[in-house]
Amino acid sequence: MHLMRLRLLLQMQLWLWLWLWLSLSLSLWLIRVLVVTFSLHYVGILSIPWRMAYFDYTDPAIAPKGLSVTINFPGGLLLVVSTLLFILILLRDHRTLRIDLPEFQFSRPLHPPTRVPIALNSVALWLSFMIVLNRGELRLSHRQADGHA
């Protein structure tokens, strides 16, 4: 009995550590996305060509805008750290103790279906919905662009 409690406590501790690592990794990932995308959008609003390999920030015309471009570095650094944490979580999870679970049993329906309708068992219905909705949205956007609301 005491051994089962100890094993359960150990498993709960492992789950707690995994949850803490995951929350830290996802928090860093969210902060990284916010830092990188905010600065990129800000740079785009300022009309700075950010896909260039070199900027001459000694030029007085673009020197004040250099800070907005260099904000991307901490975001990229956070991306690397959060990716490394994610890989570490996967490796730690791969090395943890395996728990033997009982075989999963599905519930049985009261009235088993004799056949599934073809529309629900294929992708054709949903693909046609997607095409119709996209065409309708495209026509609506063209009408609004032409001024025919």
Protein backbone atom coordinates (compact mmCIF):
# COMPACT_ATOMS: atom_id res chain seq x y z
CA MET A 1 0.00 0.00 0.00
CA HIS A 2 2.80 2.37 0.95
CA LEU A 3 4.63 1.53 -2.29
CA MET A 4 1.54 2.38 -4.37
CA ARG A 5 1.22 5.75 -2.66
CA LEU A 6 4.88 6.46 -3.30
CA ARG A 7 4.51 5.51 -6.97
CA LEU A 8 1.39 7.67 -7.31
CA LEU A 9 3.19 10.59 -5.66
CA LEU A 10 6.13 10.16 -8.03
CA GLN A 11 3.80 10.13 -11.05
CA MET A 12 2.00 13.24 -9.81
CA GLN A 13 5.35 14.98 -9.33
CA LEU A 14 6.39 14.05 -12.89
CA TRP A 15 3.10 15.39 -14.27
CA LEU A 16 3.57 18.61 -12.28
CA TRP A 17 7.07 19.11 -13.68
CA LEU A 18 5.84 18.38 -17.18
CA TRP A 19 3.01 20.90 -16.77
CA LEU A 20 5.44 23.54 -15.46
CA TRP A 21 7.86 22.95 -18.34
CA LEU A 22 5.04 23.08 -20.88
CA SER A 23 3.56 26.26 -19.46
CA LEU A 24 7.00 27.92 -19.43
CA SER A 25 7.66 26.83 -23.02
CA LEU A 26 4.26 28.00 -24.28
CA SER A 27 4.57 31.30 -22.39
CA LEU A 28 7.95 31.95 -23.97
CA TRP A 29 6.53 31.00 -27.36
CA LEU A 30 3.64 33.46 -26.96
CA ILE A 31 5.94 36.28 -25.83
CA ARG A 32 8.24 35.55 -28.77
CA VAL A 33 5.36 35.71 -31.25
CA LEU A 34 4.16 38.99 -29.77
CA VAL A 35 7.64 40.55 -29.76
CA VAL A 36 8.53 39.48 -33.30
CA THR A 37 5.20 40.17 -34.98
CA PHE A 38 4.59 43.50 -33.26
CA SER A 39 7.95 44.84 -34.35
CA LEU A 40 7.51 43.50 -37.90
CA HIS A 41 4.08 45.11 -38.20
CA TYR A 42 5.45 48.37 -36.81
CA VAL A 43 8.32 48.28 -39.32
CA GLY A 44 5.82 47.61 -42.12
CA ILE A 45 3.69 50.59 -41.09
CA LEU A 46 6.82 52.76 -41.20
CA SER A 47 7.47 51.45 -44.76
CA ILE A 48 10.90 50.08 -43.89
CA PRO A 49 12.04 47.28 -46.23
CA TRP A 50 12.80 44.66 -43.57
CA ARG A 51 13.84 41.90 -45.97
CA MET A 52 17.20 43.49 -46.64
CA ALA A 53 20.49 42.01 -45.49
CA TYR A 54 22.03 45.32 -44.46
CA PHE A 55 20.77 48.68 -43.26
CA ASP A 56 22.98 51.72 -43.04
CA TYR A 57 21.81 53.13 -39.72
CA THR A 58 24.41 55.88 -39.89
CA ASP A 59 22.15 57.54 -42.45
CA PRO A 60 20.21 60.17 -40.49
CA ALA A 61 17.02 59.40 -42.46
CA ILE A 62 16.67 55.84 -41.12
CA ALA A 63 18.72 56.00 -37.91
CA PRO A 64 15.67 56.57 -35.65
CA LYS A 65 13.97 53.52 -37.15
CA GLY A 66 16.83 51.19 -36.28
CA LEU A 67 15.41 50.36 -32.85
CA SER A 68 12.21 48.99 -34.32
CA VAL A 69 14.18 46.59 -36.52
CA THR A 70 16.52 45.44 -33.74
CA ILE A 71 13.55 44.54 -31.52
CA ASN A 72 13.35 41.36 -33.61
CA PHE A 73 16.52 39.96 -32.02
CA PRO A 74 15.03 39.28 -28.55
CA GLY A 75 12.01 37.71 -30.23
CA GLY A 76 14.26 35.42 -32.26
CA LEU A 77 16.26 34.59 -29.14
CA LEU A 78 13.05 33.71 -27.30
CA LEU A 79 12.10 31.52 -30.26
CA VAL A 80 15.35 29.57 -29.91
CA VAL A 81 14.95 29.20 -26.13
CA SER A 82 11.32 28.09 -26.37
CA THR A 83 12.17 25.62 -29.14
CA LEU A 84 14.97 24.15 -27.02
CA LEU A 85 12.59 23.88 -24.07
CA PHE A 86 10.04 22.12 -26.28
CA ILE A 87 12.65 19.61 -27.44
CA LEU A 88 13.77 19.10 -23.84
CA ILE A 89 10.15 18.40 -22.83
CA LEU A 90 9.81 15.83 -25.59
CA LEU A 91 13.06 14.12 -24.60
CA ARG A 92 12.16 14.07 -20.90
CA ASP A 93 8.74 12.68 -21.70
CA HIS A 94 10.34 10.01 -23.84
CA ARG A 95 12.57 8.90 -20.93
CA THR A 96 9.94 8.89 -18.15
CA LEU A 97 8.41 5.81 -16.61
CA ARG A 98 5.79 4.08 -18.68
CA ILE A 99 2.45 3.43 -17.03
CA ASP A 100 0.59 0.25 -17.87
CA LEU A 101 -2.97 1.26 -18.61
CA PRO A 102 -5.86 -1.15 -18.94
CA GLU A 103 -7.12 -1.78 -22.44
CA PHE A 104 -9.55 0.93 -23.51
CA GLN A 105 -13.04 -0.27 -24.27
CA PHE A 106 -15.47 1.69 -26.39
CA SER A 107 -19.11 1.93 -25.42
CA ARG A 108 -21.60 0.01 -27.50
CA PRO A 109 -24.48 1.89 -29.16
CA LEU A 110 -28.04 0.97 -28.20
CA HIS A 111 -29.08 0.82 -31.85
CA PRO A 112 -26.06 0.06 -34.01
CA PRO A 113 -26.22 1.73 -37.43
CA THR A 114 -26.62 -0.59 -40.38
CA ARG A 115 -24.80 1.82 -42.69
CA VAL A 116 -23.27 5.28 -42.52
CA PRO A 117 -24.57 7.85 -45.03
CA ILE A 118 -22.04 8.42 -47.80
CA ALA A 119 -22.19 12.19 -47.31
CA LEU A 120 -20.95 11.86 -43.74
CA ASN A 121 -18.36 9.23 -44.58
CA SER A 122 -16.50 11.13 -47.29
CA VAL A 123 -14.85 14.46 -47.84
CA ALA A 124 -16.86 15.42 -50.95
CA LEU A 125 -19.72 17.13 -49.07
CA TRP A 126 -17.40 19.25 -46.94
CA LEU A 127 -15.16 20.10 -49.89
CA SER A 128 -18.18 21.27 -51.89
CA PHE A 129 -19.31 23.41 -48.90
CA MET A 130 -15.87 24.99 -48.78
CA ILE A 131 -15.85 25.73 -52.52
CA VAL A 132 -19.36 27.24 -52.48
CA LEU A 133 -18.61 29.42 -49.44
CA ASN A 134 -15.28 30.59 -50.85
CA ARG A 135 -16.83 31.46 -54.21
CA GLY A 136 -19.61 33.39 -52.47
CA GLU A 137 -17.13 35.31 -50.34
CA LEU A 138 -15.00 36.06 -53.40
CA ARG A 139 -18.00 37.39 -55.33
CA LEU A 140 -19.05 39.51 -52.35
CA SER A 141 -15.57 40.99 -51.99
CA HIS A 142 -15.45 41.79 -55.73
CA ARG A 143 -18.86 43.46 -55.56
CA GLN A 144 -17.75 45.55 -52.59
CA ALA A 145 -14.53 46.50 -54.39
CA ASP A 146 -16.56 47.63 -57.42
CA GLY A 147 -18.84 49.69 -55.17
CA HIS A 148 -22.00 47.57 -55.55
CA ALA A 149 -22.72 46.84 -51.88
